[in-house]
C-alpha atoms as a PDB file:
ATOM      1  CA  UNK A   1       8.382  -8.115 -12.334  1.00  0.00           C
ATOM      2  CA  UNK A   2      10.558  -5.416 -10.371  1.00  0.00           C
ATOM      3  CA  UNK A   3       8.916  -4.292  -7.690  1.00  0.00           C
ATOM      4  CA  UNK A   4       9.529  -2.190  -4.342  1.00  0.00           C
ATOM      5  CA  UNK A   5       8.664  -4.557  -1.444  1.00  0.00           C
ATOM      6  CA  UNK A   6       8.142  -2.810   1.906  1.00  0.00           C
ATOM      7  CA  UNK A   7       8.144  -5.161   4.856  1.00  0.00           C
ATOM      8  CA  UNK A   8       6.586  -3.418   7.904  1.00  0.00           C
ATOM      9  CA  UNK A   9       7.861  -5.190  11.420  1.00  0.00           C
ATOM     10  CA  UNK A  10       7.962  -2.141  13.433  1.00  0.00           C
ATOM     11  CA  UNK A  11       5.931  -3.340  16.272  1.00  0.00           C
ATOM     12  CA  UNK A  12       6.876  -4.589  19.825  1.00  0.00           C
ATOM     13  CA  UNK A  13       5.317  -7.895  19.710  1.00  0.00           C
ATOM     14  CA  UNK A  14       4.217  -7.409  23.376  1.00  0.00           C
ATOM     15  CA  UNK A  15       1.550 -10.284  23.270  1.00  0.00           C
ATOM     16  CA  UNK A  16       4.040 -12.591  22.433  1.00  0.00           C
ATOM     17  CA  UNK A  17       6.631 -11.485  25.100  1.00  0.00           C
ATOM     18  CA  UNK A  18       3.594 -11.626  27.707  1.00  0.00           C
ATOM     19  CA  UNK A  19       2.686 -15.170  26.588  1.00  0.00           C
ATOM     20  CA  UNK A  20       6.327 -16.215  27.709  1.00  0.00           C
ATOM     21  CA  UNK A  21       8.422 -16.186  24.456  1.00  0.00           C
ATOM     22  CA  UNK A  22      11.921 -14.575  24.760  1.00  0.00           C
ATOM     23  CA  UNK A  23      12.734 -13.666  21.257  1.00  0.00           C
ATOM     24  CA  UNK A  24      10.996 -10.946  18.702  1.00  0.00           C
ATOM     25  CA  UNK A  25       7.933 -12.372  17.380  1.00  0.00           C
ATOM     26  CA  UNK A  26       9.447 -12.667  13.767  1.00  0.00           C
ATOM     27  CA  UNK A  27      12.211 -14.869  15.026  1.00  0.00           C
ATOM     28  CA  UNK A  28       9.912 -17.372  16.698  1.00  0.00           C
ATOM     29  CA  UNK A  29      10.301 -20.856  15.286  1.00  0.00           C
ATOM     30  CA  UNK A  30       7.379 -22.827  13.623  1.00  0.00           C
ATOM     31  CA  UNK A  31       7.587 -26.049  11.721  1.00  0.00           C
ATOM     32  CA  UNK A  32      11.267 -25.915  11.273  1.00  0.00           C
ATOM     33  CA  UNK A  33      11.019 -22.011   9.832  1.00  0.00           C
ATOM     34  CA  UNK A  34      11.180 -18.617  11.875  1.00  0.00           C
ATOM     35  CA  UNK A  35       7.678 -16.473  11.354  1.00  0.00           C
ATOM     36  CA  UNK A  36      10.062 -14.366   9.074  1.00  0.00           C
ATOM     37  CA  UNK A  37      11.088 -16.949   6.664  1.00  0.00           C
ATOM     38  CA  UNK A  38       7.342 -17.855   6.480  1.00  0.00           C
ATOM     39  CA  UNK A  39       6.174 -14.595   5.682  1.00  0.00           C
ATOM     40  CA  UNK A  40       8.887 -13.786   3.127  1.00  0.00           C
ATOM     41  CA  UNK A  41       8.104 -17.268   1.638  1.00  0.00           C
ATOM     42  CA  UNK A  42       4.623 -15.988   0.897  1.00  0.00           C
ATOM     43  CA  UNK A  43       6.271 -13.625  -1.582  1.00  0.00           C
ATOM     44  CA  UNK A  44       8.346 -16.196  -3.400  1.00  0.00           C
ATOM     45  CA  UNK A  45       6.911 -14.919  -6.921  1.00  0.00           C
ATOM     46  CA  UNK A  46       7.356 -11.393  -6.333  1.00  0.00           C
ATOM     47  CA  UNK A  47      10.899 -11.743  -4.878  1.00  0.00           C
ATOM     48  CA  UNK A  48      12.886 -11.221  -8.091  1.00  0.00           C
ATOM     49  CA  UNK A  49      16.920 -10.817  -8.069  1.00  0.00           C
ATOM     50  CA  UNK A  50      16.141  -7.111  -9.187  1.00  0.00           C
ATOM     51  CA  UNK A  51      13.337  -6.614  -6.328  1.00  0.00           C
ATOM     52  CA  UNK A  52      14.019  -3.818  -3.912  1.00  0.00           C
ATOM     53  CA  UNK A  53      13.163  -5.149  -0.572  1.00  0.00           C
ATOM     54  CA  UNK A  54      12.976  -2.501   2.346  1.00  0.00           C
ATOM     55  CA  UNK A  55      12.553  -3.541   5.972  1.00  0.00           C
ATOM     56  CA  UNK A  56      10.773  -1.021   8.465  1.00  0.00           C
ATOM     57  CA  UNK A  57      12.070  -2.028  11.915  1.00  0.00           C
ATOM     58  CA  UNK A  58      11.742  -0.795  15.619  1.00  0.00           C
ATOM     59  CA  UNK A  59      15.403   0.450  16.663  1.00  0.00           C
ATOM     60  CA  UNK A  60      14.922  -1.603  20.234  1.00  0.00           C
ATOM     61  CA  UNK A  61      14.213  -4.833  18.734  1.00  0.00           C
ATOM     62  CA  UNK A  62      17.866  -5.114  17.078  1.00  0.00           C
ATOM     63  CA  UNK A  63      16.228  -6.646  13.869  1.00  0.00           C
ATOM     64  CA  UNK A  64      18.830  -5.417  11.079  1.00  0.00           C
ATOM     65  CA  UNK A  65      21.541  -8.230  11.639  1.00  0.00           C
ATOM     66  CA  UNK A  66      18.919 -10.955  11.591  1.00  0.00           C
ATOM     67  CA  UNK A  67      16.960  -9.349   8.509  1.00  0.00           C
ATOM     68  CA  UNK A  68      20.383  -8.664   6.695  1.00  0.00           C
ATOM     69  CA  UNK A  69      21.183 -12.488   7.033  1.00  0.00           C
ATOM     70  CA  UNK A  70      17.721 -13.960   6.724  1.00  0.00           C
ATOM     71  CA  UNK A  71      17.418 -11.966   3.534  1.00  0.00           C
ATOM     72  CA  UNK A  72      20.980 -13.145   1.951  1.00  0.00           C
ATOM     73  CA  UNK A  73      20.041 -16.759   2.787  1.00  0.00           C
ATOM     74  CA  UNK A  74      16.917 -16.138   0.439  1.00  0.00           C
ATOM     75  CA  UNK A  75      19.095 -14.799  -2.209  1.00  0.00           C
ATOM     76  CA  UNK A  76      17.894 -11.186  -1.803  1.00  0.00           C
ATOM     77  CA  UNK A  77      20.470  -8.504  -3.217  1.00  0.00           C
ATOM     78  CA  UNK A  78      19.136  -5.297  -3.067  1.00  0.00           C
ATOM     79  CA  UNK A  79      17.964  -4.990   0.600  1.00  0.00           C
ATOM     80  CA  UNK A  80      17.636  -2.031   2.959  1.00  0.00           C
ATOM     81  CA  UNK A  81      16.753  -1.718   6.630  1.00  0.00           C
ATOM     82  CA  UNK A  82      15.041   1.217   8.208  1.00  0.00           C
ATOM     83  CA  UNK A  83      14.998   1.566  12.017  1.00  0.00           C
ATOM     84  CA  UNK A  84      12.699   3.873  13.691  1.00  0.00           C
ATOM     85  CA  UNK A  85      13.241   4.968  17.321  1.00  0.00           C
ATOM     86  CA  UNK A  86       9.607   4.471  18.378  1.00  0.00           C
ATOM     87  CA  UNK A  87       6.320   2.788  17.259  1.00  0.00           C
ATOM     88  CA  UNK A  88       4.469   4.784  14.567  1.00  0.00           C
ATOM     89  CA  UNK A  89       0.759   5.397  14.454  1.00  0.00           C
ATOM     90  CA  UNK A  90      -0.053   2.657  12.215  1.00  0.00           C
ATOM     91  CA  UNK A  91       1.146   0.480   9.104  1.00  0.00           C
ATOM     92  CA  UNK A  92       0.430   3.074   6.665  1.00  0.00           C
ATOM     93  CA  UNK A  93       2.732   5.426   8.157  1.00  0.00           C
ATOM     94  CA  UNK A  94       5.592   2.799   8.504  1.00  0.00           C
ATOM     95  CA  UNK A  95       5.391   2.186   5.124  1.00  0.00           C
ATOM     96  CA  UNK A  96       5.364   5.666   4.211  1.00  0.00           C
ATOM     97  CA  UNK A  97       8.836   5.995   5.973  1.00  0.00           C
ATOM     98  CA  UNK A  98      10.395   3.750   3.084  1.00  0.00           C
ATOM     99  CA  UNK A  99       8.998   6.222   0.501  1.00  0.00           C
ATOM    100  CA  UNK A 100      13.016   7.585   0.177  1.00  0.00           C
ATOM    101  CA  UNK A 101      14.158   4.407  -0.907  1.00  0.00           C
ATOM    102  CA  UNK A 102      11.638   3.259  -3.326  1.00  0.00           C
ATOM    103  CA  UNK A 103      11.929   3.407  -7.170  1.00  0.00           C
ATOM    104  CA  UNK A 104       8.940   5.788  -7.872  1.00  0.00           C
ATOM    105  CA  UNK A 105       7.742   4.752 -11.022  1.00  0.00           C
ATOM    106  CA  UNK A 106       7.910   0.869 -10.120  1.00  0.00           C
ATOM    107  CA  UNK A 107       5.147  -1.024  -8.239  1.00  0.00           C
ATOM    108  CA  UNK A 108       5.036  -1.125  -4.474  1.00  0.00           C
ATOM    109  CA  UNK A 109       3.864  -4.219  -2.212  1.00  0.00           C
ATOM    110  CA  UNK A 110       3.609  -3.731   1.313  1.00  0.00           C
ATOM    111  CA  UNK A 111       3.345  -6.795   3.537  1.00  0.00           C
ATOM    112  CA  UNK A 112       3.788  -7.461   7.124  1.00  0.00           C
ATOM    113  CA  UNK A 113       5.770 -10.196   9.053  1.00  0.00           C
ATOM    114  CA  UNK A 114       3.216 -12.304  10.588  1.00  0.00           C
ATOM    115  CA  UNK A 115       1.050 -13.872   7.914  1.00  0.00           C
ATOM    116  CA  UNK A 116       2.123 -16.890   5.782  1.00  0.00           C
ATOM    117  CA  UNK A 117       0.125 -17.469   2.478  1.00  0.00           C
ATOM    118  CA  UNK A 118       0.622 -20.328   0.350  1.00  0.00           C
ATOM    119  CA  UNK A 119       2.819 -18.711  -2.286  1.00  0.00           C
ATOM    120  CA  UNK A 120       1.051 -20.469  -5.023  1.00  0.00           C
ATOM    121  CA  UNK A 121      -1.814 -18.351  -4.359  1.00  0.00           C
ATOM    122  CA  UNK A 122       0.162 -14.799  -4.723  1.00  0.00           C
ATOM    123  CA  UNK A 123       1.359 -14.510  -8.150  1.00  0.00           C
ATOM    124  CA  UNK A 124       2.048 -11.058 -10.079  1.00  0.00           C
ATOM    125  CA  UNK A 125      -0.258 -12.468 -12.943  1.00  0.00           C
ATOM    126  CA  UNK A 126      -3.488 -12.841 -10.697  1.00  0.00           C
ATOM    127  CA  UNK A 127      -3.359  -8.823 -10.612  1.00  0.00           C
ATOM    128  CA  UNK A 128      -6.182  -7.669 -12.998  1.00  0.00           C
ATOM    129  CA  UNK A 129      -5.164  -6.115 -16.131  1.00  0.00           C
ATOM    130  CA  UNK A 130      -5.494  -1.998 -15.439  1.00  0.00           C
ATOM    131  CA  UNK A 131      -5.390  -2.287 -11.734  1.00  0.00           C
ATOM    132  CA  UNK A 132      -3.797   0.418  -9.902  1.00  0.00           C
ATOM    133  CA  UNK A 133      -4.112  -1.147  -6.686  1.00  0.00           C
ATOM    134  CA  UNK A 134      -4.564  -5.112  -5.808  1.00  0.00           C
ATOM    135  CA  UNK A 135      -5.747  -6.190  -2.215  1.00  0.00           C
ATOM    136  CA  UNK A 136      -5.716 -10.221  -1.984  1.00  0.00           C
ATOM    137  CA  UNK A 137      -8.672 -11.015   0.379  1.00  0.00           C
ATOM    138  CA  UNK A 138     -10.228 -14.054   1.692  1.00  0.00           C
ATOM    139  CA  UNK A 139     -13.583 -14.871   3.283  1.00  0.00           C
ATOM    140  CA  UNK A 140     -13.640 -15.105   6.728  1.00  0.00           C
ATOM    141  CA  UNK A 141     -15.960 -14.209   9.897  1.00  0.00           C
ATOM    142  CA  UNK A 142     -15.434 -11.372  12.217  1.00  0.00           C
ATOM    143  CA  UNK A 143     -15.072  -7.509  12.151  1.00  0.00           C
ATOM    144  CA  UNK A 144     -11.352  -7.182  12.901  1.00  0.00           C
ATOM    145  CA  UNK A 145     -10.516  -7.219   9.625  1.00  0.00           C
ATOM    146  CA  UNK A 146      -9.699  -4.585   6.676  1.00  0.00           C
ATOM    147  CA  UNK A 147     -12.536  -5.217   4.054  1.00  0.00           C
ATOM    148  CA  UNK A 148     -12.830  -4.645   0.427  1.00  0.00           C
ATOM    149  CA  UNK A 149     -16.384  -3.894  -1.406  1.00  0.00           C
ATOM    150  CA  UNK A 150     -16.939  -4.637  -5.018  1.00  0.00           C
ATOM    151  CA  UNK A 151     -18.848  -3.093  -7.721  1.00  0.00           C
ATOM    152  CA  UNK A 152     -20.912  -5.358 -10.340  1.00  0.00           C
ATOM    153  CA  UNK A 153     -17.982  -4.940 -12.583  1.00  0.00           C
ATOM    154  CA  UNK A 154     -15.502  -6.439  -9.735  1.00  0.00           C
ATOM    155  CA  UNK A 155     -13.766  -3.570  -9.255  1.00  0.00           C
ATOM    156  CA  UNK A 156     -13.551  -2.200  -5.580  1.00  0.00           C
ATOM    157  CA  UNK A 157     -15.957   0.748  -4.813  1.00  0.00           C
ATOM    158  CA  UNK A 158     -14.853   1.047  -1.283  1.00  0.00           C
ATOM    159  CA  UNK A 159     -12.322  -0.321   1.544  1.00  0.00           C
ATOM    160  CA  UNK A 160     -12.971  -0.076   5.392  1.00  0.00           C
ATOM    161  CA  UNK A 161     -11.222  -1.149   8.438  1.00  0.00           C
ATOM    162  CA  UNK A 162     -12.927  -3.024  11.052  1.00  0.00           C
ATOM    163  CA  UNK A 163     -16.151  -2.503   9.389  1.00  0.00           C
ATOM    164  CA  UNK A 164     -17.637  -5.199   7.702  1.00  0.00           C
ATOM    165  CA  UNK A 165     -18.721  -3.818   4.518  1.00  0.00           C
ATOM    166  CA  UNK A 166     -18.332  -7.089   2.558  1.00  0.00           C
ATOM    167  CA  UNK A 167     -17.169 -10.652   3.102  1.00  0.00           C
ATOM    168  CA  UNK A 168     -13.798 -10.157   1.455  1.00  0.00           C
ATOM    169  CA  UNK A 169     -11.151  -9.390   4.233  1.00  0.00           C
ATOM    170  CA  UNK A 170      -7.592  -8.235   3.461  1.00  0.00           C
ATOM    171  CA  UNK A 171      -4.579 -10.999   3.988  1.00  0.00           C
ATOM    172  CA  UNK A 172      -2.654  -7.950   4.787  1.00  0.00           C
ATOM    173  CA  UNK A 173      -0.640  -7.544   1.533  1.00  0.00           C
ATOM    174  CA  UNK A 174      -1.272  -4.458  -0.590  1.00  0.00           C
ATOM    175  CA  UNK A 175      -0.008  -3.675  -3.900  1.00  0.00           C
ATOM    176  CA  UNK A 176       0.178  -0.152  -5.756  1.00  0.00           C
ATOM    177  CA  UNK A 177       1.231  -0.148  -9.564  1.00  0.00           C
ATOM    178  CA  UNK A 178       3.473   2.726  -8.735  1.00  0.00           C
ATOM    179  CA  UNK A 179       5.317   3.576  -5.585  1.00  0.00           C
ATOM    180  CA  UNK A 180       4.642   7.409  -6.107  1.00  0.00           C
ATOM    181  CA  UNK A 181       1.114   6.645  -6.106  1.00  0.00           C
ATOM    182  CA  UNK A 182       1.131   5.488  -2.792  1.00  0.00           C
ATOM    183  CA  UNK A 183       3.265   8.414  -1.379  1.00  0.00           C
ATOM    184  CA  UNK A 184       0.714  10.829  -3.113  1.00  0.00           C
ATOM    185  CA  UNK A 185      -2.363   9.064  -1.653  1.00  0.00           C
ATOM    186  CA  UNK A 186      -0.887   8.996   1.852  1.00  0.00           C
ATOM    187  CA  UNK A 187      -0.529  12.652   1.922  1.00  0.00           C
ATOM    188  CA  UNK A 188      -3.928  13.561   0.618  1.00  0.00           C
ATOM    189  CA  UNK A 189      -5.916  10.920   2.558  1.00  0.00           C
ATOM    190  CA  UNK A 190      -4.488  11.574   5.881  1.00  0.00           C
ATOM    191  CA  UNK A 191      -4.503  15.357   5.394  1.00  0.00           C
ATOM    192  CA  UNK A 192      -8.065  14.922   6.721  1.00  0.00           C
ATOM    193  CA  UNK A 193      -7.689  13.663  10.438  1.00  0.00           C
ATOM    194  CA  UNK A 194     -11.026  12.148  10.395  1.00  0.00           C
ATOM    195  CA  UNK A 195      -9.646   9.328   8.047  1.00  0.00           C
ATOM    196  CA  UNK A 196      -7.601   8.017  10.939  1.00  0.00           C
ATOM    197  CA  UNK A 197      -9.381   5.033  12.436  1.00  0.00           C
ATOM    198  CA  UNK A 198      -9.223   5.064  16.406  1.00  0.00           C
ATOM    199  CA  UNK A 199      -6.002   7.564  15.805  1.00  0.00           C
ATOM    200  CA  UNK A 200      -4.330   4.815  13.664  1.00  0.00           C
ATOM    201  CA  UNK A 201      -3.405   5.188   9.784  1.00  0.00           C
ATOM    202  CA  UNK A 202      -4.305   1.926   8.060  1.00  0.00           C
ATOM    203  CA  UNK A 203      -3.689   1.279   4.710  1.00  0.00           C
ATOM    204  CA  UNK A 204      -6.773  -0.384   3.314  1.00  0.00           C
ATOM    205  CA  UNK A 205      -8.871   2.713   3.575  1.00  0.00           C
ATOM    206  CA  UNK A 206      -6.257   4.718   1.924  1.00  0.00           C
ATOM    207  CA  UNK A 207      -7.264   2.928  -1.650  1.00  0.00           C
ATOM    208  CA  UNK A 208     -10.357   5.291  -1.135  1.00  0.00           C
ATOM    209  CA  UNK A 209      -8.109   8.230  -2.328  1.00  0.00           C
ATOM    210  CA  UNK A 210      -7.405   6.299  -5.356  1.00  0.00           C
ATOM    211  CA  UNK A 211     -10.816   5.256  -6.377  1.00  0.00           C
ATOM    212  CA  UNK A 212     -12.104   8.757  -5.615  1.00  0.00           C
ATOM    213  CA  UNK A 213      -9.511  10.004  -7.953  1.00  0.00           C
ATOM    214  CA  UNK A 214     -10.961   7.529 -10.820  1.00  0.00           C
ATOM    215  CA  UNK A 215      -8.153   4.612 -10.275  1.00  0.00           C
ATOM    216  CA  UNK A 216      -8.947   1.011 -10.315  1.00  0.00           C
ATOM    217  CA  UNK A 217      -8.413  -1.391  -7.433  1.00  0.00           C
ATOM    218  CA  UNK A 218      -8.923  -5.269  -7.836  1.00  0.00           C
ATOM    219  CA  UNK A 219      -8.970  -8.345  -5.621  1.00  0.00           C
ATOM    220  CA  UNK A 220      -8.090 -12.029  -5.450  1.00  0.00           C
ATOM    221  CA  UNK A 221     -10.312 -14.008  -3.633  1.00  0.00           C
ATOM    222  CA  UNK A 222      -8.014 -16.806  -1.939  1.00  0.00           C
ATOM    223  CA  UNK A 223      -9.121 -19.958  -0.487  1.00  0.00           C
ATOM    224  CA  UNK A 224      -8.984 -19.611   3.395  1.00  0.00           C
ATOM    225  CA  UNK A 225      -6.736 -22.741   3.896  1.00  0.00           C
ATOM    226  CA  UNK A 226      -4.045 -20.910   1.968  1.00  0.00           C
ATOM    227  CA  UNK A 227      -3.909 -17.800   4.575  1.00  0.00           C
ATOM    228  CA  UNK A 228      -2.460 -18.533   8.061  1.00  0.00           C
ATOM    229  CA  UNK A 229      -2.416 -15.449  10.317  1.00  0.00           C
ATOM    230  CA  UNK A 230       0.387 -15.582  12.984  1.00  0.00           C
ATOM    231  CA  UNK A 231      -0.213 -12.168  14.633  1.00  0.00           C
ATOM    232  CA  UNK A 232      -1.002 -13.656  17.930  1.00  0.00           C
ATOM    233  CA  UNK A 233       0.009 -16.613  20.292  1.00  0.00           C
ATOM    234  CA  UNK A 234      -3.347 -18.176  19.739  1.00  0.00           C
ATOM    235  CA  UNK A 235      -3.063 -18.081  16.042  1.00  0.00           C
ATOM    236  CA  UNK A 236       0.607 -19.297  16.187  1.00  0.00           C
ATOM    237  CA  UNK A 237      -0.771 -22.166  18.173  1.00  0.00           C
ATOM    238  CA  UNK A 238      -3.509 -23.079  15.829  1.00  0.00           C
ATOM    239  CA  UNK A 239      -0.677 -23.021  12.900  1.00  0.00           C
ATOM    240  CA  UNK A 240       1.738 -25.504  15.255  1.00  0.00           C
ATOM    241  CA  UNK A 241      -1.334 -27.664  15.197  1.00  0.00           C
ATOM    242  CA  UNK A 242      -1.343 -28.179  11.106  1.00  0.00           C
ATOM    243  CA  UNK A 243       0.720 -30.868   9.647  1.00  0.00           C
ATOM    244  CA  UNK A 244       3.519 -29.470   7.581  1.00  0.00           C
ATOM    245  CA  UNK A 245       2.715 -31.268   4.941  1.00  0.00           C
ATOM    246  CA  UNK A 246      -0.436 -29.394   4.233  1.00  0.00           C
ATOM    247  CA  UNK A 247       1.266 -25.971   4.216  1.00  0.00           C
ATOM    248  CA  UNK A 248       1.740 -26.302   0.548  1.00  0.00           C
ATOM    249  CA  UNK A 249       5.600 -24.955   0.641  1.00  0.00           C
ATOM    250  CA  UNK A 250       6.592 -26.776  -2.618  1.00  0.00           C
END
């Protein structure tokens, strides 16, 4: 499957610097790989030679050289780096900034740089036939996630940010059947400022726009053990305590 892949890595990672780390979050090593490499490994089944991969980075992090080097090592050929001068008002906006480089009629996959998911749990064939959007989820406690509510037919009926409307929490990967759908949904959804959450533009609630237009959004329910969130020093420390043999990288 040829796909546009947008990796948003335009944050400052300040919690890691405050914890004593001296390199950007995505360069931090864990079990012999950087967090960047762990995140990209998650997408192994989507990263094909004809994939277009677009990284949205914060200019002050000087990410471009590192990103290009690591991408080359992964065998990626169609790589673009966008460097922005300041932090945006949310991941939805960071991804929207890549619209000019996306091939509009091909699928769009948006991911972050601080989550590792067993790649065997993320495959294109897991996307339900007829889906216009796809949000892989796992079932975990807490309110700090993005949540997806399903109808009796197992299609999504609502998505919410930091509101526990169901037990299905997004792992942070968002797929759209056409990149242009994301661009239009972003513009229509956020035309209403009430759709921001605490002043930020999140991707999960944006799917409400697709649903309102009669489009279909599906999920895949992943095993909790297949998902490793690495966004804070505490989460990274928990990951470091795991036996590398249990990380299912083969």
